[in-house]
Every structure is written in C-alpha cells, then in structure tokens.
C-alpha cells in the first residue's frame, strides 16, 4: 500500500473528471524498466523529420484504425530509459531532489497527438511554462487543488478520518484510501532511524501542512497550454488544460503522453522532479503520492 497523505477515498474519487480519456479496448500498460532512452528521445535537429515520417505512415495506414493508448507506471525504476543529461546530472536539484534520477514518481497517459488533457477538479493555476531541455516536460502546467469541501460532502459516505480497512481499495494491494496514512508511512521507512524520522514528521508529511491542499503537474503538453492558462486563473472540473504535445513541444519524447504527478508541497515553479534516485524513494513516495488516488485503478 502506498501512503495516502491526501486522504482521497473512492467516494471522493467518483466525483473527479478523467484527466485523460483512454480507449479501454486498445490500451497497453508499459514496462519501461528495461527500455533504452535512445529509442524514446528525439534530438531537436531530427524532430521535423520524425514528425514527417510518422505522418506519412499514418496516412498510409488504415483510415479507420482504432486509436490506441498507453499507461506508464508509478514507482518504476527506469534505469536505462532516463539516460539523457537532464536525469544523469547529479548536481541538478529540483525541489530538494538531486542525483542520477531513475525512479518514476508520476503516471504517464499516452495517446495520439492533440488529445485533450483535463483538470480533474476545480483549482487555480499555480504556474505554467515551457521546459525546453531534451527529456524535460516541454509545455507544462501546475494546478493547485483544495478538497476541503469535497471531504465534508463525502464524510457521511466515506469517513476520511477512519483507519478501518473498509476505506481501502479491495482490488489493488498497492493503494490505500482514507486517512490511515501514518501506519502506511511507517511501512515505507526501512530502518529504525527512518521510522523515527517518519514518526517525528521529518520525512515527508509535516503536522503543520494542510493536506486538503495539494498540487498536480501536467507535463509534455502542446503550445496551447501557455495561451489557455495564466497564473491565478480559476479552473473548473473538466476544463481542458492543453493537449498531448508533439515531439517538438513535449521535451522530445517520441511517444506522446501527459505526465501526471501529485505533490503535497507547493512547487517553486512549473517544475517537479518526475523521477528521483532510488535512495530517495521513501521520501518521494510521500512527497509525490500515487496519482491513482486521483486517476483510479487504471492498472
């Protein structure tokens, strides 16, 4: 079970809008733990040729071919995939995370270029921008959310303060719903020293932090993301935040996808470490909760 500092329950999740609409008849859950980064990143000088060749292949293929989608997993060690300088630069620090970063702490939802990406709930745009480095987010937006009212409205149906097993998902052993996060937090602290740090709140969750508020990053989008989102803009559930970006917009990734990531700490800017070192895994799985608490049991 992953720590659930946000206390999101199945009853609450039922109110959320899909972040990305996936055709369940044609979807593949990827294993990227053995993939090579060379096959996924397209250098800037090759991107236009890549787009032209892809478009030609699509025109020659069956016009009624079913659209297919992909899912990239959370808490996956992508040792070979993240081979670009961006991930291997041990001196680069993002939100206090540095080192050679290979552990993926978001969920990737892939599909055709241009597919809509939605806000799952009402929120406020925290930051928006363009991260141009090869392997980075490209166009990205971060939205701040507050679930206080939703928790109050769902209190009778699914008590978010309960630590009983009834608030847990019965279909996924890696997910934990409700606010029984202190016990699960300790499960992720391997050594006695770490367990004490977790109890004290010095790893991850702090007693003074309001965990009704959190932030979600939507990365690898298209250029329209900049025009449709401004800092401070109020977003409604189901609003389109952007579209899946092409290779020249999304950081050079050959497979169009949105990287969806949660954080319990406000980002400094339109950036989060989408991957961390294995040594930081315990802290990261708390700071960046499992996106399936929002997305549901998509795998």
C-alpha atoms as a PDB file:
ATOM      1  CA  UNK A   1       0.000   0.000   0.000  1.00  0.00           C
ATOM      2  CA  UNK A   2       1.250   3.471  -0.865  1.00  0.00           C
ATOM      3  CA  UNK A   3       0.938   6.342   1.636  1.00  0.00           C
ATOM      4  CA  UNK A   4      -2.173   8.460   1.091  1.00  0.00           C
ATOM      5  CA  UNK A   5      -1.493  11.775   2.857  1.00  0.00           C
ATOM      6  CA  UNK A   6      -4.287  13.400   0.839  1.00  0.00           C
ATOM      7  CA  UNK A   7      -6.951  11.105   2.316  1.00  0.00           C
ATOM      8  CA  UNK A   8      -8.706  10.639  -1.040  1.00  0.00           C
ATOM      9  CA  UNK A   9     -11.351   7.913  -0.810  1.00  0.00           C
ATOM     10  CA  UNK A  10     -13.209   6.002  -3.547  1.00  0.00           C
ATOM     11  CA  UNK A  11     -16.335   8.060  -2.820  1.00  0.00           C
ATOM     12  CA  UNK A  12     -14.390  11.267  -3.387  1.00  0.00           C
ATOM     13  CA  UNK A  13     -12.689   9.924  -6.491  1.00  0.00           C
ATOM     14  CA  UNK A  14     -16.080   9.153  -8.047  1.00  0.00           C
ATOM     15  CA  UNK A  15     -16.600  12.927  -8.339  1.00  0.00           C
ATOM     16  CA  UNK A  16     -13.441  13.548 -10.360  1.00  0.00           C
ATOM     17  CA  UNK A  17     -13.336  14.177 -14.100  1.00  0.00           C
ATOM     18  CA  UNK A  18     -10.933  11.965 -16.103  1.00  0.00           C
ATOM     19  CA  UNK A  19      -7.545  13.585 -16.637  1.00  0.00           C
ATOM     20  CA  UNK A  20      -7.297  11.829 -19.994  1.00  0.00           C
ATOM     21  CA  UNK A  21      -9.815   9.693 -21.865  1.00  0.00           C
ATOM     22  CA  UNK A  22      -8.406   6.255 -22.717  1.00  0.00           C
ATOM     23  CA  UNK A  23      -9.954   3.757 -25.110  1.00  0.00           C
ATOM     24  CA  UNK A  24     -10.169   0.684 -22.880  1.00  0.00           C
ATOM     25  CA  UNK A  25     -10.453  -1.533 -25.978  1.00  0.00           C
ATOM     26  CA  UNK A  26      -6.920  -0.637 -27.044  1.00  0.00           C
ATOM     27  CA  UNK A  27      -4.635   0.205 -24.132  1.00  0.00           C
ATOM     28  CA  UNK A  28      -1.266  -1.183 -23.068  1.00  0.00           C
ATOM     29  CA  UNK A  29       0.367  -0.881 -19.655  1.00  0.00           C
ATOM     30  CA  UNK A  30       4.045  -0.401 -20.434  1.00  0.00           C
ATOM     31  CA  UNK A  31       7.059  -1.899 -18.696  1.00  0.00           C
ATOM     32  CA  UNK A  32       9.700   0.799 -19.085  1.00  0.00           C
ATOM     33  CA  UNK A  33      12.128  -0.657 -16.556  1.00  0.00           C
ATOM     34  CA  UNK A  34      14.153  -2.278 -19.368  1.00  0.00           C
ATOM     35  CA  UNK A  35      13.721   0.327 -22.123  1.00  0.00           C
ATOM     36  CA  UNK A  36      16.583   2.369 -23.568  1.00  0.00           C
ATOM     37  CA  UNK A  37      16.368   6.154 -23.569  1.00  0.00           C
ATOM     38  CA  UNK A  38      17.877   6.349 -27.043  1.00  0.00           C
ATOM     39  CA  UNK A  39      14.700   4.887 -28.549  1.00  0.00           C
ATOM     40  CA  UNK A  40      12.333   7.380 -26.885  1.00  0.00           C
ATOM     41  CA  UNK A  41      14.066  10.760 -27.168  1.00  0.00           C
ATOM     42  CA  UNK A  42      14.357  12.598 -30.486  1.00  0.00           C
ATOM     43  CA  UNK A  43      17.034  15.340 -30.654  1.00  0.00           C
ATOM     44  CA  UNK A  44      15.842  18.738 -31.808  1.00  0.00           C
ATOM     45  CA  UNK A  45      17.604  18.514 -35.179  1.00  0.00           C
ATOM     46  CA  UNK A  46      15.738  15.273 -36.009  1.00  0.00           C
ATOM     47  CA  UNK A  47      12.272  16.208 -34.777  1.00  0.00           C
ATOM     48  CA  UNK A  48      10.804  17.596 -38.009  1.00  0.00           C
ATOM     49  CA  UNK A  49      11.905  14.518 -39.978  1.00  0.00           C
ATOM     50  CA  UNK A  50      10.422  12.328 -37.254  1.00  0.00           C
ATOM     51  CA  UNK A  51       7.067  14.135 -37.498  1.00  0.00           C
ATOM     52  CA  UNK A  52       7.003  13.951 -41.309  1.00  0.00           C
ATOM     53  CA  UNK A  53       7.828  10.233 -41.344  1.00  0.00           C
ATOM     54  CA  UNK A  54       5.208   9.496 -38.685  1.00  0.00           C
ATOM     55  CA  UNK A  55       2.535  11.469 -40.509  1.00  0.00           C
ATOM     56  CA  UNK A  56       3.333   9.624 -43.734  1.00  0.00           C
ATOM     57  CA  UNK A  57       2.985   6.263 -42.009  1.00  0.00           C
ATOM     58  CA  UNK A  58      -0.344   7.318 -40.507  1.00  0.00           C
ATOM     59  CA  UNK A  59      -1.700   8.439 -43.893  1.00  0.00           C
ATOM     60  CA  UNK A  60      -0.744   5.105 -45.443  1.00  0.00           C
ATOM     61  CA  UNK A  61      -2.317   3.104 -42.642  1.00  0.00           C
ATOM     62  CA  UNK A  62      -5.979   2.141 -42.417  1.00  0.00           C
ATOM     63  CA  UNK A  63      -8.121   5.279 -42.081  1.00  0.00           C
ATOM     64  CA  UNK A  64     -10.452   3.529 -39.631  1.00  0.00           C
ATOM     65  CA  UNK A  65      -7.682   2.123 -37.472  1.00  0.00           C
ATOM     66  CA  UNK A  66      -8.638   2.207 -33.790  1.00  0.00           C
ATOM     67  CA  UNK A  67      -6.833   4.755 -31.621  1.00  0.00           C
ATOM     68  CA  UNK A  68      -4.614   3.056 -29.068  1.00  0.00           C
ATOM     69  CA  UNK A  69      -3.318   4.305 -25.729  1.00  0.00           C
ATOM     70  CA  UNK A  70      -0.555   3.577 -23.226  1.00  0.00           C
ATOM     71  CA  UNK A  71      -0.018   3.810 -19.470  1.00  0.00           C
ATOM     72  CA  UNK A  72       3.377   4.291 -17.852  1.00  0.00           C
ATOM     73  CA  UNK A  73       3.593   3.199 -14.231  1.00  0.00           C
ATOM     74  CA  UNK A  74       4.291   4.986 -10.950  1.00  0.00           C
ATOM     75  CA  UNK A  75       7.180   3.860  -8.726  1.00  0.00           C
ATOM     76  CA  UNK A  76       9.021   2.254 -11.653  1.00  0.00           C
ATOM     77  CA  UNK A  77      12.812   2.233 -11.795  1.00  0.00           C
ATOM     78  CA  UNK A  78      13.586   3.277 -15.372  1.00  0.00           C
ATOM     79  CA  UNK A  79      17.295   2.707 -15.086  1.00  0.00           C
ATOM     80  CA  UNK A  80      18.069   2.683 -18.821  1.00  0.00           C
ATOM     81  CA  UNK A  81      15.312   4.948 -20.103  1.00  0.00           C
ATOM     82  CA  UNK A  82      16.481   8.086 -18.333  1.00  0.00           C
ATOM     83  CA  UNK A  83      19.864   8.319 -19.987  1.00  0.00           C
ATOM     84  CA  UNK A  84      19.837  11.982 -21.036  1.00  0.00           C
ATOM     85  CA  UNK A  85      21.968  14.583 -19.286  1.00  0.00           C
ATOM     86  CA  UNK A  86      18.846  16.002 -17.630  1.00  0.00           C
ATOM     87  CA  UNK A  87      18.426  12.877 -15.484  1.00  0.00           C
ATOM     88  CA  UNK A  88      22.083  11.979 -15.036  1.00  0.00           C
ATOM     89  CA  UNK A  89      23.289  15.402 -13.869  1.00  0.00           C
ATOM     90  CA  UNK A  90      23.943  14.701 -10.194  1.00  0.00           C
ATOM     91  CA  UNK A  91      24.409  18.420  -9.446  1.00  0.00           C
ATOM     92  CA  UNK A  92      20.951  19.404 -10.716  1.00  0.00           C
ATOM     93  CA  UNK A  93      18.461  19.802  -7.842  1.00  0.00           C
ATOM     94  CA  UNK A  94      14.673  20.122  -8.212  1.00  0.00           C
ATOM     95  CA  UNK A  95      12.539  20.637  -5.084  1.00  0.00           C
ATOM     96  CA  UNK A  96      15.344  19.217  -2.960  1.00  0.00           C
ATOM     97  CA  UNK A  97      15.867  16.114  -5.117  1.00  0.00           C
ATOM     98  CA  UNK A  98      19.159  15.591  -6.924  1.00  0.00           C
ATOM     99  CA  UNK A  99      21.454  12.791  -8.053  1.00  0.00           C
ATOM    100  CA  UNK A 100      21.029  10.414 -11.010  1.00  0.00           C
ATOM    101  CA  UNK A 101      17.226  10.175 -11.089  1.00  0.00           C
ATOM    102  CA  UNK A 102      15.640   6.977 -12.460  1.00  0.00           C
ATOM    103  CA  UNK A 103      12.581   6.208 -10.265  1.00  0.00           C
ATOM    104  CA  UNK A 104       9.403   7.487 -11.940  1.00  0.00           C
ATOM    105  CA  UNK A 105       7.042   9.241  -9.484  1.00  0.00           C
ATOM    106  CA  UNK A 106       4.169  10.133 -11.811  1.00  0.00           C
ATOM    107  CA  UNK A 107       1.858   8.260 -14.172  1.00  0.00           C
ATOM    108  CA  UNK A 108       2.197   8.609 -17.957  1.00  0.00           C
ATOM    109  CA  UNK A 109      -1.019   8.562 -20.013  1.00  0.00           C
ATOM    110  CA  UNK A 110      -0.246   8.210 -23.712  1.00  0.00           C
ATOM    111  CA  UNK A 111      -2.287   8.565 -26.883  1.00  0.00           C
ATOM    112  CA  UNK A 112      -2.491  10.394 -30.214  1.00  0.00           C
ATOM    113  CA  UNK A 113      -1.019  13.889 -30.547  1.00  0.00           C
ATOM    114  CA  UNK A 114      -3.626  16.554 -29.820  1.00  0.00           C
ATOM    115  CA  UNK A 115      -5.832  14.558 -27.448  1.00  0.00           C
ATOM    116  CA  UNK A 116      -7.400  16.681 -24.685  1.00  0.00           C
ATOM    117  CA  UNK A 117      -5.988  16.775 -21.151  1.00  0.00           C
ATOM    118  CA  UNK A 118      -8.486  17.815 -18.450  1.00  0.00           C
ATOM    119  CA  UNK A 119      -8.440  19.182 -14.931  1.00  0.00           C
ATOM    120  CA  UNK A 120      -9.919  16.544 -12.636  1.00  0.00           C
ATOM    121  CA  UNK A 121     -11.347  19.108 -10.192  1.00  0.00           C
ATOM    122  CA  UNK A 122     -11.818  22.814  -9.577  1.00  0.00           C
ATOM    123  CA  UNK A 123      -8.486  24.514  -8.996  1.00  0.00           C
ATOM    124  CA  UNK A 124      -6.247  27.510  -9.550  1.00  0.00           C
ATOM    125  CA  UNK A 125      -3.318  27.683 -11.955  1.00  0.00           C
ATOM    126  CA  UNK A 126      -0.170  27.764  -9.831  1.00  0.00           C
ATOM    127  CA  UNK A 127       2.351  28.047 -12.674  1.00  0.00           C
ATOM    128  CA  UNK A 128       2.685  27.424 -16.390  1.00  0.00           C
ATOM    129  CA  UNK A 129       5.670  27.406 -18.713  1.00  0.00           C
ATOM    130  CA  UNK A 130       7.986  25.658 -21.130  1.00  0.00           C
ATOM    131  CA  UNK A 131      10.884  23.430 -20.089  1.00  0.00           C
ATOM    132  CA  UNK A 132      12.903  23.045 -23.318  1.00  0.00           C
ATOM    133  CA  UNK A 133      15.654  20.562 -22.432  1.00  0.00           C
ATOM    134  CA  UNK A 134      15.699  17.174 -24.142  1.00  0.00           C
ATOM    135  CA  UNK A 135      13.754  14.779 -21.903  1.00  0.00           C
ATOM    136  CA  UNK A 136      12.105  17.580 -19.914  1.00  0.00           C
ATOM    137  CA  UNK A 137       8.371  18.422 -19.717  1.00  0.00           C
ATOM    138  CA  UNK A 138       8.148  20.775 -22.671  1.00  0.00           C
ATOM    139  CA  UNK A 139       4.905  22.721 -22.138  1.00  0.00           C
ATOM    140  CA  UNK A 140       3.650  22.167 -18.593  1.00  0.00           C
ATOM    141  CA  UNK A 141       1.036  23.495 -16.183  1.00  0.00           C
ATOM    142  CA  UNK A 142       0.728  23.069 -12.412  1.00  0.00           C
ATOM    143  CA  UNK A 143      -2.699  23.428 -10.778  1.00  0.00           C
ATOM    144  CA  UNK A 144      -3.414  23.890  -7.065  1.00  0.00           C
ATOM    145  CA  UNK A 145      -6.372  21.981  -5.641  1.00  0.00           C
ATOM    146  CA  UNK A 146      -8.285  22.116  -2.352  1.00  0.00           C
ATOM    147  CA  UNK A 147     -10.533  19.179  -1.441  1.00  0.00           C
ATOM    148  CA  UNK A 148     -11.885  20.575   1.836  1.00  0.00           C
ATOM    149  CA  UNK A 149     -15.472  20.936   0.637  1.00  0.00           C
ATOM    150  CA  UNK A 150     -15.435  17.579  -1.144  1.00  0.00           C
ATOM    151  CA  UNK A 151     -14.247  15.858   2.027  1.00  0.00           C
ATOM    152  CA  UNK A 152     -17.032  17.458   4.050  1.00  0.00           C
ATOM    153  CA  UNK A 153     -19.662  16.480   1.489  1.00  0.00           C
ATOM    154  CA  UNK A 154     -18.489  12.884   1.392  1.00  0.00           C
ATOM    155  CA  UNK A 155     -17.947  12.480   5.115  1.00  0.00           C
ATOM    156  CA  UNK A 156     -21.167  10.522   5.657  1.00  0.00           C
ATOM    157  CA  UNK A 157     -20.459   8.073   2.846  1.00  0.00           C
ATOM    158  CA  UNK A 158     -16.751   7.548   3.333  1.00  0.00           C
ATOM    159  CA  UNK A 159     -15.256   8.839   6.580  1.00  0.00           C
ATOM    160  CA  UNK A 160     -11.864  10.229   5.648  1.00  0.00           C
ATOM    161  CA  UNK A 161     -10.669  10.047   9.241  1.00  0.00           C
ATOM    162  CA  UNK A 162     -11.323   6.333   9.544  1.00  0.00           C
ATOM    163  CA  UNK A 163      -8.404   3.929   9.588  1.00  0.00           C
ATOM    164  CA  UNK A 164     -10.558   0.872   9.038  1.00  0.00           C
ATOM    165  CA  UNK A 165      -9.934  -1.459   6.149  1.00  0.00           C
ATOM    166  CA  UNK A 166     -13.320  -0.528   4.671  1.00  0.00           C
ATOM    167  CA  UNK A 167     -11.740   2.681   3.372  1.00  0.00           C
ATOM    168  CA  UNK A 168      -9.196   0.725   1.376  1.00  0.00           C
ATOM    169  CA  UNK A 169      -9.440  -0.469  -2.181  1.00  0.00           C
ATOM    170  CA  UNK A 170     -10.128  -4.195  -2.369  1.00  0.00           C
ATOM    171  CA  UNK A 171      -8.826  -4.515  -5.922  1.00  0.00           C
ATOM    172  CA  UNK A 172      -5.332  -3.045  -5.676  1.00  0.00           C
ATOM    173  CA  UNK A 173      -2.960  -4.059  -2.907  1.00  0.00           C
ATOM    174  CA  UNK A 174      -0.673  -1.112  -3.629  1.00  0.00           C
ATOM    175  CA  UNK A 175      -3.314   1.550  -2.988  1.00  0.00           C
ATOM    176  CA  UNK A 176      -4.652   2.792   0.308  1.00  0.00           C
ATOM    177  CA  UNK A 177      -7.663   5.049   0.646  1.00  0.00           C
ATOM    178  CA  UNK A 178      -8.640   7.197   3.602  1.00  0.00           C
ATOM    179  CA  UNK A 179      -6.508   8.969   6.164  1.00  0.00           C
ATOM    180  CA  UNK A 180      -4.854   5.963   7.780  1.00  0.00           C
ATOM    181  CA  UNK A 181      -1.618   7.228   6.300  1.00  0.00           C
ATOM    182  CA  UNK A 182       0.545   7.187   9.430  1.00  0.00           C
ATOM    183  CA  UNK A 183       0.732   3.380   9.547  1.00  0.00           C
ATOM    184  CA  UNK A 184       1.422   3.135   5.827  1.00  0.00           C
ATOM    185  CA  UNK A 185       4.037   5.866   6.141  1.00  0.00           C
ATOM    186  CA  UNK A 186       5.933   3.745   8.624  1.00  0.00           C
ATOM    187  CA  UNK A 187       5.749   0.786   6.231  1.00  0.00           C
ATOM    188  CA  UNK A 188       7.942   2.724   3.801  1.00  0.00           C
ATOM    189  CA  UNK A 189      10.597   3.555   6.376  1.00  0.00           C
ATOM    190  CA  UNK A 190      13.036   0.654   6.255  1.00  0.00           C
ATOM    191  CA  UNK A 191      15.460   1.385   9.080  1.00  0.00           C
ATOM    192  CA  UNK A 192      14.746   2.188  12.760  1.00  0.00           C
ATOM    193  CA  UNK A 193      16.236   5.631  12.175  1.00  0.00           C
ATOM    194  CA  UNK A 194      13.874   6.255   9.257  1.00  0.00           C
ATOM    195  CA  UNK A 195      10.896   5.009  11.257  1.00  0.00           C
ATOM    196  CA  UNK A 196      11.665   7.520  13.986  1.00  0.00           C
ATOM    197  CA  UNK A 197      12.075  10.284  11.403  1.00  0.00           C
ATOM    198  CA  UNK A 198       8.686   9.373   9.952  1.00  0.00           C
ATOM    199  CA  UNK A 199       7.072   9.450  13.394  1.00  0.00           C
ATOM    200  CA  UNK A 200       8.616  12.851  14.013  1.00  0.00           C
ATOM    201  CA  UNK A 201       7.422  14.096  10.639  1.00  0.00           C
ATOM    202  CA  UNK A 202      10.932  14.856   9.389  1.00  0.00           C
ATOM    203  CA  UNK A 203      10.391  12.663   6.328  1.00  0.00           C
ATOM    204  CA  UNK A 204       7.568  13.769   4.067  1.00  0.00           C
ATOM    205  CA  UNK A 205       4.418  14.696   5.996  1.00  0.00           C
ATOM    206  CA  UNK A 206       4.509  17.562   8.487  1.00  0.00           C
ATOM    207  CA  UNK A 207       1.919  18.215  11.158  1.00  0.00           C
ATOM    208  CA  UNK A 208       1.606  21.881  10.157  1.00  0.00           C
ATOM    209  CA  UNK A 209       0.881  21.198   6.477  1.00  0.00           C
ATOM    210  CA  UNK A 210      -2.722  21.376   5.231  1.00  0.00           C
ATOM    211  CA  UNK A 211      -3.166  18.180   3.234  1.00  0.00           C
ATOM    212  CA  UNK A 212      -6.501  19.299   1.867  1.00  0.00           C
ATOM    213  CA  UNK A 213      -4.385  21.436  -0.471  1.00  0.00           C
ATOM    214  CA  UNK A 214      -2.050  19.881  -2.996  1.00  0.00           C
ATOM    215  CA  UNK A 215      -0.686  20.439  -6.478  1.00  0.00           C
ATOM    216  CA  UNK A 216      -0.843  18.474  -9.726  1.00  0.00           C
ATOM    217  CA  UNK A 217       1.598  18.781 -12.602  1.00  0.00           C
ATOM    218  CA  UNK A 218       0.508  18.067 -16.178  1.00  0.00           C
ATOM    219  CA  UNK A 219       3.577  17.773 -18.409  1.00  0.00           C
ATOM    220  CA  UNK A 220       4.503  17.119 -22.077  1.00  0.00           C
ATOM    221  CA  UNK A 221       1.593  19.202 -23.412  1.00  0.00           C
ATOM    222  CA  UNK A 222       1.274  21.379 -26.506  1.00  0.00           C
ATOM    223  CA  UNK A 223       1.907  25.091 -27.050  1.00  0.00           C
ATOM    224  CA  UNK A 224      -1.765  25.992 -26.469  1.00  0.00           C
ATOM    225  CA  UNK A 225      -1.131  25.320 -22.768  1.00  0.00           C
ATOM    226  CA  UNK A 226       0.561  28.726 -22.461  1.00  0.00           C
ATOM    227  CA  UNK A 227      -2.326  30.631 -24.030  1.00  0.00           C
ATOM    228  CA  UNK A 228      -5.174  28.942 -22.199  1.00  0.00           C
ATOM    229  CA  UNK A 229      -3.602  29.021 -18.710  1.00  0.00           C
ATOM    230  CA  UNK A 230      -2.406  32.029 -16.725  1.00  0.00           C
ATOM    231  CA  UNK A 231      -1.159  32.106 -13.151  1.00  0.00           C
ATOM    232  CA  UNK A 232      -4.091  32.621 -10.780  1.00  0.00           C
ATOM    233  CA  UNK A 233      -6.734  31.550 -13.293  1.00  0.00           C
ATOM    234  CA  UNK A 234      -9.620  29.619 -11.754  1.00  0.00           C
ATOM    235  CA  UNK A 235     -10.083  26.226 -13.383  1.00  0.00           C
ATOM    236  CA  UNK A 236     -13.302  24.214 -13.363  1.00  0.00           C
ATOM    237  CA  UNK A 237     -13.586  20.443 -13.201  1.00  0.00           C
ATOM    238  CA  UNK A 238     -13.404  19.133 -16.765  1.00  0.00           C
ATOM    239  CA  UNK A 239     -11.730  22.219 -18.240  1.00  0.00           C
ATOM    240  CA  UNK A 240      -9.203  21.444 -20.967  1.00  0.00           C
ATOM    241  CA  UNK A 241      -5.726  22.410 -19.747  1.00  0.00           C
ATOM    242  CA  UNK A 242      -3.978  21.521 -23.007  1.00  0.00           C
ATOM    243  CA  UNK A 243      -3.424  18.688 -25.445  1.00  0.00           C
ATOM    244  CA  UNK A 244      -0.839  15.942 -25.828  1.00  0.00           C
ATOM    245  CA  UNK A 245       2.185  17.666 -27.312  1.00  0.00           C
ATOM    246  CA  UNK A 246       4.104  16.522 -30.359  1.00  0.00           C
ATOM    247  CA  UNK A 247       7.797  15.734 -30.214  1.00  0.00           C
ATOM    248  CA  UNK A 248       8.834  19.380 -30.809  1.00  0.00           C
ATOM    249  CA  UNK A 249       6.633  20.527 -27.899  1.00  0.00           C
ATOM    250  CA  UNK A 250       6.829  17.750 -25.292  1.00  0.00           C
ATOM    251  CA  UNK A 251      10.533  17.623 -24.495  1.00  0.00           C
ATOM    252  CA  UNK A 252      11.498  15.405 -27.415  1.00  0.00           C
ATOM    253  CA  UNK A 253       9.562  12.292 -26.398  1.00  0.00           C
ATOM    254  CA  UNK A 254       8.600  10.077 -29.339  1.00  0.00           C
ATOM    255  CA  UNK A 255       5.533   8.669 -27.536  1.00  0.00           C
ATOM    256  CA  UNK A 256       3.004  11.488 -26.918  1.00  0.00           C
ATOM    257  CA  UNK A 257       1.789  11.396 -23.324  1.00  0.00           C
ATOM    258  CA  UNK A 258       0.869  13.506 -20.323  1.00  0.00           C
ATOM    259  CA  UNK A 259       2.998  13.061 -17.233  1.00  0.00           C
ATOM    260  CA  UNK A 260       0.566  13.454 -14.309  1.00  0.00           C
ATOM    261  CA  UNK A 261       2.120  13.952 -10.883  1.00  0.00           C
ATOM    262  CA  UNK A 262       0.847  14.977  -7.439  1.00  0.00           C
ATOM    263  CA  UNK A 263       2.785  16.774  -4.722  1.00  0.00           C
ATOM    264  CA  UNK A 264       1.964  17.753  -1.153  1.00  0.00           C
ATOM    265  CA  UNK A 265       4.442  20.653  -1.259  1.00  0.00           C
ATOM    266  CA  UNK A 266       3.995  23.782  -3.405  1.00  0.00           C
ATOM    267  CA  UNK A 267       6.446  23.745  -6.326  1.00  0.00           C
ATOM    268  CA  UNK A 268       8.859  26.632  -6.674  1.00  0.00           C
ATOM    269  CA  UNK A 269       7.942  26.994 -10.342  1.00  0.00           C
ATOM    270  CA  UNK A 270       6.452  24.972 -13.226  1.00  0.00           C
ATOM    271  CA  UNK A 271       8.683  22.002 -12.459  1.00  0.00           C
ATOM    272  CA  UNK A 272       8.850  18.886 -10.303  1.00  0.00           C
ATOM    273  CA  UNK A 273      11.318  16.001 -10.291  1.00  0.00           C
ATOM    274  CA  UNK A 274       9.402  13.475 -12.406  1.00  0.00           C
ATOM    275  CA  UNK A 275      11.988  10.925 -11.355  1.00  0.00           C
ATOM    276  CA  UNK A 276      14.131  10.607  -8.232  1.00  0.00           C
ATOM    277  CA  UNK A 277      17.046   8.462  -7.084  1.00  0.00           C
ATOM    278  CA  UNK A 278      16.320   5.065  -5.552  1.00  0.00           C
ATOM    279  CA  UNK A 279      17.915   6.353  -2.353  1.00  0.00           C
ATOM    280  CA  UNK A 280      15.151   8.979  -2.107  1.00  0.00           C
ATOM    281  CA  UNK A 281      12.299   6.522  -2.735  1.00  0.00           C
ATOM    282  CA  UNK A 282      10.821   6.559   0.787  1.00  0.00           C
ATOM    283  CA  UNK A 283      10.640  10.337   0.942  1.00  0.00           C
ATOM    284  CA  UNK A 284       9.444  10.682  -2.662  1.00  0.00           C
ATOM    285  CA  UNK A 285       6.504   8.282  -2.340  1.00  0.00           C
ATOM    286  CA  UNK A 286       5.195  10.528   0.413  1.00  0.00           C
ATOM    287  CA  UNK A 287       6.002  13.895  -1.183  1.00  0.00           C
ATOM    288  CA  UNK A 288       4.577  12.706  -4.522  1.00  0.00           C
ATOM    289  CA  UNK A 289       1.555  10.474  -3.753  1.00  0.00           C
ATOM    290  CA  UNK A 290       0.381   7.765  -6.132  1.00  0.00           C
ATOM    291  CA  UNK A 291      -1.570   9.538  -8.928  1.00  0.00           C
ATOM    292  CA  UNK A 292      -4.038   6.634  -8.941  1.00  0.00           C
ATOM    293  CA  UNK A 293      -5.623   8.161  -5.856  1.00  0.00           C
ATOM    294  CA  UNK A 294      -6.993  10.641  -8.419  1.00  0.00           C
ATOM    295  CA  UNK A 295      -6.970   8.524 -11.588  1.00  0.00           C
ATOM    296  CA  UNK A 296      -8.449   5.357 -10.109  1.00  0.00           C
ATOM    297  CA  UNK A 297      -7.281   1.789 -10.681  1.00  0.00           C
ATOM    298  CA  UNK A 298      -6.127   2.221 -14.266  1.00  0.00           C
ATOM    299  CA  UNK A 299      -3.663  -0.660 -13.882  1.00  0.00           C
END
